Amino acid sequence: MTTLFFLDANLLIYTRDYRDPTKQKAAVRWLTRLAESERAVVNLQVINEVRHVALRKLCLLYTSRRG
């Protein structure tokens, strides 16, 4: 039996948060390994949480980073 890993919204958010490069790199490594092993699971609530943060908070971070 293969163990599946339920992804938390924070892990997905950290991959796009440029304020903490160390945390971002760690999140990208985790997500990459889980995706390559096809053991990651995510549900609709997590997707909605990530969407909310991306539109409300990360968009502001990206905009302030560019200009």
Protein backbone atom coordinates (compact mmCIF):
# COMPACT_ATOMS: atom_id res chain seq x y z
CA MET A 1 0.00 0.00 0.00
CA THR A 2 1.33 3.43 -0.97
CA THR A 3 1.10 6.24 1.55
CA LEU A 4 -0.56 9.37 0.23
CA PHE A 5 0.17 12.84 1.59
CA PHE A 6 -2.60 15.38 1.99
CA LEU A 7 -1.30 18.81 0.96
CA ASP A 8 -1.95 21.73 3.25
CA ALA A 9 -2.70 25.13 1.74
CA ASN A 10 0.37 26.61 3.43
CA LEU A 11 2.71 24.34 1.52
CA LEU A 12 1.27 25.51 -1.78
CA ILE A 13 1.28 29.15 -0.69
CA TYR A 14 4.90 29.02 0.48
CA THR A 15 5.99 28.00 -3.03
CA ARG A 16 4.89 31.44 -4.28
CA ASP A 17 5.86 33.59 -1.26
CA TYR A 18 9.09 35.42 -2.06
CA ARG A 19 9.43 37.01 1.40
CA ASP A 20 11.20 33.95 2.82
CA PRO A 21 13.41 32.30 0.17
CA THR A 22 14.47 29.48 2.53
CA LYS A 23 10.88 28.50 3.24
CA GLN A 24 9.99 28.87 -0.42
CA LYS A 25 12.79 26.56 -1.58
CA ALA A 26 11.89 23.94 1.03
CA ALA A 27 8.24 24.02 -0.04
CA VAL A 28 9.18 23.67 -3.70
CA ARG A 29 11.42 20.69 -2.88
CA TRP A 30 8.64 18.96 -0.92
CA LEU A 31 6.03 19.61 -3.56
CA THR A 32 8.33 18.46 -6.36
CA ARG A 33 9.15 15.20 -4.59
CA LEU A 34 5.51 14.49 -3.82
CA ALA A 35 4.44 15.28 -7.38
CA GLU A 36 7.16 13.09 -8.88
CA SER A 37 6.14 10.19 -6.65
CA GLU A 38 2.43 10.79 -7.43
CA ARG A 39 1.60 10.62 -3.73
CA ALA A 40 0.15 14.10 -3.22
CA VAL A 41 -3.55 14.61 -2.53
CA VAL A 42 -5.38 17.93 -2.36
CA ASN A 43 -9.03 18.76 -1.85
CA LEU A 44 -11.29 21.57 -2.99
CA GLN A 45 -11.10 23.47 0.31
CA VAL A 46 -7.31 23.70 0.03
CA ILE A 47 -7.57 24.89 -3.57
CA ASN A 48 -10.03 27.59 -2.51
CA GLU A 49 -7.77 28.71 0.35
CA VAL A 50 -4.80 28.99 -1.99
CA ARG A 51 -6.87 30.92 -4.52
CA HIS A 52 -8.04 33.33 -1.83
CA VAL A 53 -4.53 34.01 -0.56
CA ALA A 54 -3.11 34.28 -4.06
CA LEU A 55 -5.68 36.86 -5.11
CA ARG A 56 -5.72 38.86 -1.89
CA LYS A 57 -2.21 38.70 -0.48
CA LEU A 58 0.34 37.26 -2.90
CA CYS A 59 -0.88 39.53 -5.67
CA LEU A 60 0.03 42.50 -3.47
CA LEU A 61 3.43 40.98 -2.70
CA TYR A 62 4.14 40.37 -6.38
CA THR A 63 3.07 43.89 -7.33
CA SER A 64 5.20 45.53 -4.63
CA ARG A 65 8.17 43.33 -5.57
CA ARG A 66 8.05 44.42 -9.22
CA GLY A 67 7.84 48.14 -8.65
